[in-house]
Amino acid sequence: MGIEQFPEIETFQKLPRKVIVKGGSAGFDSKGKSQLRGIVINNAGHPIRNAKVSLVIFDEHEIPILNKSTLPDPEALPQGGIASFTFTLDDYEQEIKNYYLYVNWKYDDSNW
């Protein structure tokens, strides 16, 4: 699902039944380091915990050149919850353009 589809979504029922991760704005922070911000939406149908967002950056030949992970804030999300994340890369000096995001998580079974 592309970012261009988000304005058309009015309710969570129209979202796919999964945990969604979307990259938002890419640019540079105040110190000139590459930065990527985004969100995680829990639409899996159950609360989740221990969420971790991973970023893979590709070069011009589609070869992975960098893989980083970060924790979203918050790491635990109820159904319908939204978390944000920020990647600030010390070892990558270009703007983040060709990338892939994915999220790992566990069901929050503490109330089961």
C-alpha atoms as a PDB file:
ATOM      1  CA  MET A   1       0.000   0.000   0.000  1.00  0.00           C
ATOM      2  CA  GLY A   2       1.538   3.300  -1.038  1.00  0.00           C
ATOM      3  CA  ILE A   3       1.602   6.470   1.036  1.00  0.00           C
ATOM      4  CA  GLU A   4      -0.649   8.128  -1.543  1.00  0.00           C
ATOM      5  CA  GLN A   5      -3.518   5.853  -0.414  1.00  0.00           C
ATOM      6  CA  PHE A   6      -3.507   7.103   3.185  1.00  0.00           C
ATOM      7  CA  PRO A   7      -5.662  10.232   2.576  1.00  0.00           C
ATOM      8  CA  GLU A   8      -8.395   7.980   1.157  1.00  0.00           C
ATOM      9  CA  ILE A   9      -8.550   5.788   4.258  1.00  0.00           C
ATOM     10  CA  GLU A  10     -11.277   6.983   6.601  1.00  0.00           C
ATOM     11  CA  THR A  11     -11.367   4.155   9.145  1.00  0.00           C
ATOM     12  CA  PHE A  12      -9.128   1.348  10.308  1.00  0.00           C
ATOM     13  CA  GLN A  13     -11.574  -1.183   8.814  1.00  0.00           C
ATOM     14  CA  LYS A  14     -10.298  -0.217   5.346  1.00  0.00           C
ATOM     15  CA  LEU A  15      -6.653  -0.870   6.297  1.00  0.00           C
ATOM     16  CA  PRO A  16      -5.140  -4.330   5.736  1.00  0.00           C
ATOM     17  CA  ARG A  17      -5.386  -6.615   8.790  1.00  0.00           C
ATOM     18  CA  LYS A  18      -1.696  -6.418   9.760  1.00  0.00           C
ATOM     19  CA  VAL A  19       0.896  -4.220  11.429  1.00  0.00           C
ATOM     20  CA  ILE A  20       1.751  -1.488   8.937  1.00  0.00           C
ATOM     21  CA  VAL A  21       5.009   0.471   8.783  1.00  0.00           C
ATOM     22  CA  LYS A  22       5.319   3.575   6.583  1.00  0.00           C
ATOM     23  CA  GLY A  23       8.252   5.878   6.025  1.00  0.00           C
ATOM     24  CA  GLY A  24       7.370   9.528   6.004  1.00  0.00           C
ATOM     25  CA  SER A  25       9.831  12.345   5.611  1.00  0.00           C
ATOM     26  CA  ALA A  26      13.457  11.724   4.695  1.00  0.00           C
ATOM     27  CA  GLY A  27      16.050  14.439   5.008  1.00  0.00           C
ATOM     28  CA  PHE A  28      18.788  15.617   7.317  1.00  0.00           C
ATOM     29  CA  ASP A  29      18.789  16.540  11.003  1.00  0.00           C
ATOM     30  CA  SER A  30      20.269  19.751  12.431  1.00  0.00           C
ATOM     31  CA  LYS A  31      23.755  18.170  12.475  1.00  0.00           C
ATOM     32  CA  GLY A  32      23.584  17.174   8.801  1.00  0.00           C
ATOM     33  CA  LYS A  33      23.022  13.442   9.411  1.00  0.00           C
ATOM     34  CA  SER A  34      20.630  11.435   7.216  1.00  0.00           C
ATOM     35  CA  GLN A  35      17.277  10.947   8.847  1.00  0.00           C
ATOM     36  CA  LEU A  36      14.051   9.047   8.117  1.00  0.00           C
ATOM     37  CA  ARG A  37      10.843   9.387  10.135  1.00  0.00           C
ATOM     38  CA  GLY A  38       7.733   7.255   9.936  1.00  0.00           C
ATOM     39  CA  ILE A  39       4.866   5.542  11.709  1.00  0.00           C
ATOM     40  CA  VAL A  40       3.744   2.072  12.761  1.00  0.00           C
ATOM     41  CA  ILE A  41       0.008   1.295  12.814  1.00  0.00           C
ATOM     42  CA  ASN A  42      -1.296  -1.770  14.650  1.00  0.00           C
ATOM     43  CA  ASN A  43      -4.255  -3.160  12.726  1.00  0.00           C
ATOM     44  CA  ALA A  44      -3.523  -6.820  13.501  1.00  0.00           C
ATOM     45  CA  GLY A  45      -6.679  -7.187  15.580  1.00  0.00           C
ATOM     46  CA  HIS A  46      -4.853  -7.669  18.899  1.00  0.00           C
ATOM     47  CA  PRO A  47      -2.476  -5.634  21.062  1.00  0.00           C
ATOM     48  CA  ILE A  48       1.215  -6.024  20.196  1.00  0.00           C
ATOM     49  CA  ARG A  49       4.474  -5.509  22.097  1.00  0.00           C
ATOM     50  CA  ASN A  50       8.237  -5.491  21.497  1.00  0.00           C
ATOM     51  CA  ALA A  51       7.857  -3.751  18.141  1.00  0.00           C
ATOM     52  CA  LYS A  52      11.114  -3.120  16.276  1.00  0.00           C
ATOM     53  CA  VAL A  53      11.397  -1.303  12.935  1.00  0.00           C
ATOM     54  CA  SER A  54      14.181  -2.260  10.513  1.00  0.00           C
ATOM     55  CA  LEU A  55      15.489  -0.200   7.601  1.00  0.00           C
ATOM     56  CA  VAL A  56      17.357  -1.609   4.595  1.00  0.00           C
ATOM     57  CA  ILE A  57      18.972   0.903   2.218  1.00  0.00           C
ATOM     58  CA  PHE A  58      19.814  -0.095  -1.363  1.00  0.00           C
ATOM     59  CA  ASP A  59      22.379   1.332  -3.765  1.00  0.00           C
ATOM     60  CA  GLU A  60      21.690   2.230  -7.402  1.00  0.00           C
ATOM     61  CA  HIS A  61      22.015  -1.473  -8.397  1.00  0.00           C
ATOM     62  CA  GLU A  62      19.396  -2.588  -5.842  1.00  0.00           C
ATOM     63  CA  ILE A  63      22.068  -4.167  -3.624  1.00  0.00           C
ATOM     64  CA  PRO A  64      21.543  -3.750   0.140  1.00  0.00           C
ATOM     65  CA  ILE A  65      24.265  -1.529   1.586  1.00  0.00           C
ATOM     66  CA  LEU A  66      22.953  -0.734   5.080  1.00  0.00           C
ATOM     67  CA  ASN A  67      20.635  -2.388   7.600  1.00  0.00           C
ATOM     68  CA  LYS A  68      19.600  -0.629  10.829  1.00  0.00           C
ATOM     69  CA  SER A  69      16.928  -1.188  13.466  1.00  0.00           C
ATOM     70  CA  THR A  70      15.212   1.108  15.938  1.00  0.00           C
ATOM     71  CA  LEU A  71      12.427   0.928  18.490  1.00  0.00           C
ATOM     72  CA  PRO A  72       9.258   2.910  17.838  1.00  0.00           C
ATOM     73  CA  ASP A  73       7.711   5.063  20.535  1.00  0.00           C
ATOM     74  CA  PRO A  74       5.770   3.375  22.115  1.00  0.00           C
ATOM     75  CA  GLU A  75       6.937  -0.228  21.642  1.00  0.00           C
ATOM     76  CA  ALA A  76       3.586  -1.688  22.756  1.00  0.00           C
ATOM     77  CA  LEU A  77       0.449  -0.798  20.803  1.00  0.00           C
ATOM     78  CA  PRO A  78      -3.216  -1.570  21.336  1.00  0.00           C
ATOM     79  CA  GLN A  79      -5.383  -2.427  18.342  1.00  0.00           C
ATOM     80  CA  GLY A  80      -5.571   0.772  16.294  1.00  0.00           C
ATOM     81  CA  GLY A  81      -2.570   2.307  18.063  1.00  0.00           C
ATOM     82  CA  ILE A  82       0.028   4.388  16.229  1.00  0.00           C
ATOM     83  CA  ALA A  83       3.718   4.733  17.101  1.00  0.00           C
ATOM     84  CA  SER A  84       6.422   6.887  15.553  1.00  0.00           C
ATOM     85  CA  PHE A  85      10.057   6.143  14.803  1.00  0.00           C
ATOM     86  CA  THR A  86      13.139   8.020  13.634  1.00  0.00           C
ATOM     87  CA  PHE A  87      16.291   6.677  12.028  1.00  0.00           C
ATOM     88  CA  THR A  88      19.301   9.007  12.305  1.00  0.00           C
ATOM     89  CA  LEU A  89      22.237   7.492  10.448  1.00  0.00           C
ATOM     90  CA  ASP A  90      25.819   8.390  11.376  1.00  0.00           C
ATOM     91  CA  ASP A  91      27.374   6.144   8.730  1.00  0.00           C
ATOM     92  CA  TYR A  92      25.311   7.200   5.688  1.00  0.00           C
ATOM     93  CA  GLU A  93      25.897  10.666   4.239  1.00  0.00           C
ATOM     94  CA  GLN A  94      23.310  10.752   1.427  1.00  0.00           C
ATOM     95  CA  GLU A  95      19.594  11.380   1.542  1.00  0.00           C
ATOM     96  CA  ILE A  96      17.657   8.167   2.186  1.00  0.00           C
ATOM     97  CA  LYS A  97      15.791   7.416  -1.048  1.00  0.00           C
ATOM     98  CA  ASN A  98      15.831   3.741  -2.065  1.00  0.00           C
ATOM     99  CA  TYR A  99      14.870   1.793   1.064  1.00  0.00           C
ATOM    100  CA  TYR A 100      12.673  -0.942   2.506  1.00  0.00           C
ATOM    101  CA  LEU A 101      11.036  -0.896   5.955  1.00  0.00           C
ATOM    102  CA  TYR A 102       9.694  -3.829   7.927  1.00  0.00           C
ATOM    103  CA  VAL A 103       8.521  -4.354  11.494  1.00  0.00           C
ATOM    104  CA  ASN A 104       8.915  -7.288  13.888  1.00  0.00           C
ATOM    105  CA  TRP A 105       6.615  -7.648  16.881  1.00  0.00           C
ATOM    106  CA  LYS A 106       4.952 -10.101  19.272  1.00  0.00           C
ATOM    107  CA  TYR A 107       1.348 -10.412  20.347  1.00  0.00           C
ATOM    108  CA  ASP A 108       0.779  -8.875  23.764  1.00  0.00           C
ATOM    109  CA  ASP A 109      -0.574 -11.938  25.530  1.00  0.00           C
ATOM    110  CA  SER A 110      -0.288 -10.530  29.061  1.00  0.00           C
ATOM    111  CA  ASN A 111      -4.098 -10.321  29.434  1.00  0.00           C
ATOM    112  CA  TRP A 112      -4.937 -13.698  27.862  1.00  0.00           C
END
